[in-house]
């Protein structure tokens, strides 16, 4: 798809977010390997944001926060 958001590297992963809301997470390294993909169901035009334990995605109507479980 089309991408407006910048790709982001965090925690050893590359995060890609397409304009239609498709999130793709790949491992960093010499070989490209997709770890996870998920469709949020609404347009996203901005890069994800991170803190110590949470990743945030801002869509056209919602803000999602996914937190790492200890």
C-alpha atoms as a PDB file:
ATOM      1  CA  UNK A   1       0.000   0.000   0.000  1.00  0.00           C
ATOM      2  CA  UNK A   2       0.871   3.663   0.241  1.00  0.00           C
ATOM      3  CA  UNK A   3       2.923   4.959   3.177  1.00  0.00           C
ATOM      4  CA  UNK A   4       2.939   8.464   4.689  1.00  0.00           C
ATOM      5  CA  UNK A   5       4.280   7.462   8.111  1.00  0.00           C
ATOM      6  CA  UNK A   6       8.025   7.095   8.499  1.00  0.00           C
ATOM      7  CA  UNK A   7       9.319   3.614   9.298  1.00  0.00           C
ATOM      8  CA  UNK A   8      10.516   3.300  12.896  1.00  0.00           C
ATOM      9  CA  UNK A   9      13.079   0.941  14.432  1.00  0.00           C
ATOM     10  CA  UNK A  10      12.591   0.057  18.112  1.00  0.00           C
ATOM     11  CA  UNK A  11      13.342  -2.982  20.268  1.00  0.00           C
ATOM     12  CA  UNK A  12      15.092  -4.764  17.396  1.00  0.00           C
ATOM     13  CA  UNK A  13      12.066  -4.466  15.087  1.00  0.00           C
ATOM     14  CA  UNK A  14      11.076  -2.342  12.099  1.00  0.00           C
ATOM     15  CA  UNK A  15       7.545  -0.898  12.317  1.00  0.00           C
ATOM     16  CA  UNK A  16       5.784   0.030   9.064  1.00  0.00           C
ATOM     17  CA  UNK A  17       2.300   1.581   8.978  1.00  0.00           C
ATOM     18  CA  UNK A  18       0.419   1.969   5.691  1.00  0.00           C
ATOM     19  CA  UNK A  19      -2.176   4.644   4.992  1.00  0.00           C
ATOM     20  CA  UNK A  20      -5.001   2.083   5.149  1.00  0.00           C
ATOM     21  CA  UNK A  21      -3.961   1.105   8.687  1.00  0.00           C
ATOM     22  CA  UNK A  22      -1.935  -2.051   7.965  1.00  0.00           C
ATOM     23  CA  UNK A  23       0.816  -2.476  10.562  1.00  0.00           C
ATOM     24  CA  UNK A  24       3.775  -4.646   9.601  1.00  0.00           C
ATOM     25  CA  UNK A  25       6.467  -5.550  12.122  1.00  0.00           C
ATOM     26  CA  UNK A  26       9.700  -7.087  10.848  1.00  0.00           C
ATOM     27  CA  UNK A  27      12.914  -8.166  12.547  1.00  0.00           C
ATOM     28  CA  UNK A  28      15.953  -6.019  11.876  1.00  0.00           C
ATOM     29  CA  UNK A  29      19.011  -7.703  10.439  1.00  0.00           C
ATOM     30  CA  UNK A  30      20.418  -9.068   7.205  1.00  0.00           C
ATOM     31  CA  UNK A  31      17.321 -11.081   6.239  1.00  0.00           C
ATOM     32  CA  UNK A  32      13.846  -9.543   6.024  1.00  0.00           C
ATOM     33  CA  UNK A  33      11.443 -11.492   8.239  1.00  0.00           C
ATOM     34  CA  UNK A  34       7.895 -10.354   9.038  1.00  0.00           C
ATOM     35  CA  UNK A  35       7.047 -11.015  12.688  1.00  0.00           C
ATOM     36  CA  UNK A  36       3.454  -9.766  12.714  1.00  0.00           C
ATOM     37  CA  UNK A  37       0.851  -7.956  10.605  1.00  0.00           C
ATOM     38  CA  UNK A  38      -2.407  -6.404  11.756  1.00  0.00           C
ATOM     39  CA  UNK A  39      -5.080  -4.175  10.181  1.00  0.00           C
ATOM     40  CA  UNK A  40      -6.425  -1.502  12.525  1.00  0.00           C
ATOM     41  CA  UNK A  41      -9.361  -0.717  10.235  1.00  0.00           C
ATOM     42  CA  UNK A  42      -8.921   3.023   9.716  1.00  0.00           C
ATOM     43  CA  UNK A  43      -6.472   5.323   7.947  1.00  0.00           C
ATOM     44  CA  UNK A  44      -3.153   6.129   9.614  1.00  0.00           C
ATOM     45  CA  UNK A  45      -0.861   8.859   8.275  1.00  0.00           C
ATOM     46  CA  UNK A  46       1.599   9.347  11.155  1.00  0.00           C
ATOM     47  CA  UNK A  47       4.497   7.337  12.562  1.00  0.00           C
ATOM     48  CA  UNK A  48       3.968   5.263  15.707  1.00  0.00           C
ATOM     49  CA  UNK A  49       5.292   6.588  19.017  1.00  0.00           C
ATOM     50  CA  UNK A  50       6.975   4.598  21.768  1.00  0.00           C
ATOM     51  CA  UNK A  51       7.714   4.811  25.474  1.00  0.00           C
ATOM     52  CA  UNK A  52       9.397   2.222  27.725  1.00  0.00           C
ATOM     53  CA  UNK A  53       6.581  -0.345  27.483  1.00  0.00           C
ATOM     54  CA  UNK A  54       3.949   0.967  25.036  1.00  0.00           C
ATOM     55  CA  UNK A  55       3.556   1.595  21.318  1.00  0.00           C
ATOM     56  CA  UNK A  56       0.979   4.177  20.197  1.00  0.00           C
ATOM     57  CA  UNK A  57      -0.798   4.405  16.841  1.00  0.00           C
ATOM     58  CA  UNK A  58      -2.967   7.430  15.987  1.00  0.00           C
ATOM     59  CA  UNK A  59      -5.585   6.825  13.345  1.00  0.00           C
ATOM     60  CA  UNK A  60      -8.159   9.099  11.750  1.00  0.00           C
ATOM     61  CA  UNK A  61     -10.577   8.610  14.680  1.00  0.00           C
ATOM     62  CA  UNK A  62      -8.805   6.604  17.396  1.00  0.00           C
ATOM     63  CA  UNK A  63      -5.609   6.357  19.415  1.00  0.00           C
ATOM     64  CA  UNK A  64      -4.419   2.825  20.173  1.00  0.00           C
ATOM     65  CA  UNK A  65      -1.918   1.898  22.872  1.00  0.00           C
ATOM     66  CA  UNK A  66      -0.403  -1.581  22.965  1.00  0.00           C
ATOM     67  CA  UNK A  67       1.498  -2.390  26.128  1.00  0.00           C
ATOM     68  CA  UNK A  68       4.049  -5.109  26.715  1.00  0.00           C
ATOM     69  CA  UNK A  69       2.911  -7.562  29.396  1.00  0.00           C
ATOM     70  CA  UNK A  70       5.517  -8.471  32.003  1.00  0.00           C
END
